[in-house]
Protein backbone atom coordinates (compact mmCIF):
# COMPACT_ATOMS: atom_id res chain seq x y z
CA MET A 1 0.00 0.00 0.00
CA ASP A 2 1.37 3.45 -0.88
CA LYS A 3 1.89 6.24 1.65
CA LYS A 4 -0.97 8.34 0.29
CA THR A 5 -3.44 5.50 0.83
CA ILE A 6 -2.11 4.78 4.32
CA ASP A 7 -2.35 8.49 5.21
CA ARG A 8 -5.97 8.57 4.02
CA TYR A 9 -6.88 5.56 6.18
CA GLU A 10 -5.13 7.11 9.17
CA GLU A 11 -7.09 10.33 8.69
CA GLN A 12 -10.36 8.39 8.42
CA ALA A 13 -9.49 6.53 11.63
CA ARG A 14 -8.73 9.83 13.38
CA ILE A 15 -12.17 11.19 12.48
CA ILE A 16 -13.94 7.98 13.52
CA LYS A 17 -11.99 8.03 16.79
CA ALA A 18 -13.21 11.59 17.41
CA LEU A 19 -16.76 10.21 17.26
CA SER A 20 -16.03 7.26 19.51
CA HIS A 21 -17.67 8.57 22.66
CA PRO A 22 -21.41 8.56 23.43
CA SER A 23 -21.37 12.21 24.52
CA ARG A 24 -19.75 13.30 21.27
CA LEU A 25 -22.31 11.31 19.28
CA MET A 26 -25.06 13.09 21.23
CA VAL A 27 -23.47 16.46 20.53
CA VAL A 28 -23.16 15.79 16.79
CA GLU A 29 -26.75 14.67 16.59
CA GLU A 30 -27.91 17.75 18.50
CA LEU A 31 -25.83 20.09 16.33
CA ALA A 32 -27.52 18.59 13.27
CA LYS A 33 -30.63 20.44 14.50
CA GLY A 34 -28.80 23.78 14.57
CA LYS A 35 -26.13 25.73 16.38
CA ARG A 36 -25.89 25.40 20.14
CA CYS A 37 -23.89 27.07 22.89
CA VAL A 38 -21.84 25.13 25.41
CA SER A 39 -24.40 25.56 28.19
CA GLU A 40 -27.13 23.98 26.04
CA LEU A 41 -24.87 21.07 25.16
CA THR A 42 -23.77 20.70 28.78
CA GLU A 43 -27.39 20.30 29.83
CA LEU A 44 -27.98 17.74 27.07
CA VAL A 45 -24.90 15.64 27.85
CA GLY A 46 -25.28 15.91 31.61
CA SER A 47 -21.61 16.59 32.25
CA ASP A 48 -19.77 19.65 33.49
CA THR A 49 -18.88 22.49 31.13
CA SER A 50 -15.19 21.58 31.12
CA THR A 51 -15.88 18.02 29.96
CA VAL A 52 -18.27 19.14 27.24
CA SER A 53 -15.77 21.75 26.08
CA LYS A 54 -13.14 19.01 25.74
CA HIS A 55 -15.56 16.91 23.68
CA LEU A 56 -16.25 19.90 21.45
CA SER A 57 -12.54 20.50 21.04
CA VAL A 58 -12.06 16.90 19.84
CA LEU A 59 -14.89 17.31 17.33
CA LYS A 60 -13.52 20.66 16.17
CA ASN A 61 -9.99 19.29 15.71
CA ALA A 62 -11.45 16.46 13.61
CA GLY A 63 -13.15 19.04 11.38
CA LEU A 64 -16.67 18.01 12.32
CA VAL A 65 -17.80 21.22 14.02
CA PHE A 66 -16.95 24.89 13.80
CA VAL A 67 -17.12 27.74 16.27
CA GLU A 68 -19.01 30.99 15.88
CA LYS A 69 -18.73 33.80 18.44
CA LYS A 70 -21.57 36.23 19.00
CA GLY A 71 -20.62 38.73 21.65
CA THR A 72 -19.48 36.74 24.66
CA THR A 73 -21.35 33.58 23.65
CA VAL A 74 -19.66 30.81 21.69
CA PHE A 75 -21.84 28.71 19.43
CA TYR A 76 -20.98 25.40 17.85
CA ASN A 77 -22.37 24.22 14.56
CA LEU A 78 -22.06 21.01 12.60
CA ARG A 79 -19.54 21.56 9.81
CA MET A 80 -20.16 18.30 7.98
CA PRO A 81 -23.85 17.29 8.10
CA CYS A 82 -23.00 14.35 5.83
CA ILE A 83 -21.66 12.61 8.96
CA LEU A 84 -25.30 11.82 9.70
CA ASP A 85 -25.22 9.41 6.73
CA PHE A 86 -22.57 7.52 8.67
CA PHE A 87 -24.88 7.50 11.71
CA ASN A 88 -27.69 6.08 9.56
CA CYS A 89 -25.36 3.35 8.35
CA ILE A 90 -24.41 2.49 11.93
CA GLU A 91 -28.12 2.24 12.83
CA SER A 92 -28.59 -0.19 9.93
CA VAL A 93 -25.75 -2.34 11.23
CA ILE A 94 -27.29 -2.31 14.74
CA GLU A 95 -30.65 -3.38 13.33
CA ALA A 96 -29.07 -6.10 11.17
CA ASN A 97 -27.12 -7.38 14.16
CA ALA A 98 -30.26 -7.51 16.28
CA PHE A 99 -32.14 -9.29 13.51
CA GLY A 100 -29.23 -11.70 13.03
CA GLN A 101 -29.24 -12.54 16.74
CA MET A 102 -32.99 -13.11 16.65
CA GLU A 103 -32.58 -15.29 13.58
CA THR A 104 -29.96 -17.37 15.42
CA VAL A 105 -32.22 -17.83 18.44
CA ILE A 106 -35.14 -18.87 16.23
CA SER A 107 -32.90 -21.27 14.33
CA CYS A 108 -31.66 -22.88 17.57
CA LYS A 109 -35.22 -23.29 18.91
CA THR A 110 -36.33 -24.87 15.63
CA LYS A 111 -33.50 -27.41 15.75
CA LYS A 112 -34.33 -28.35 19.36
CA GLY A 113 -38.09 -28.56 18.90
């Protein structure tokens, strides 16, 4: 594999890693509805402001959100709404996994009965 391809995979992994926390997933989903300030996101996540700010920093560094200042208030907005397509794909995998587990259980019961 050439260096350019490896670098691309590493960058993809870095972005996926930035999403790999439930609070950050919540924040991204909330920002898909529109811009929010830290206090609104803090209430949503249920953590302290410092923790939420760190989560936002990770998302910002990954290029997923951007910052907009209005007076003394800082708002965050989703920079790449297409990330929600990735969320939809993950939901499809979760559903398929659940269906696959059900299918296995049904198959086992059929063999026993």
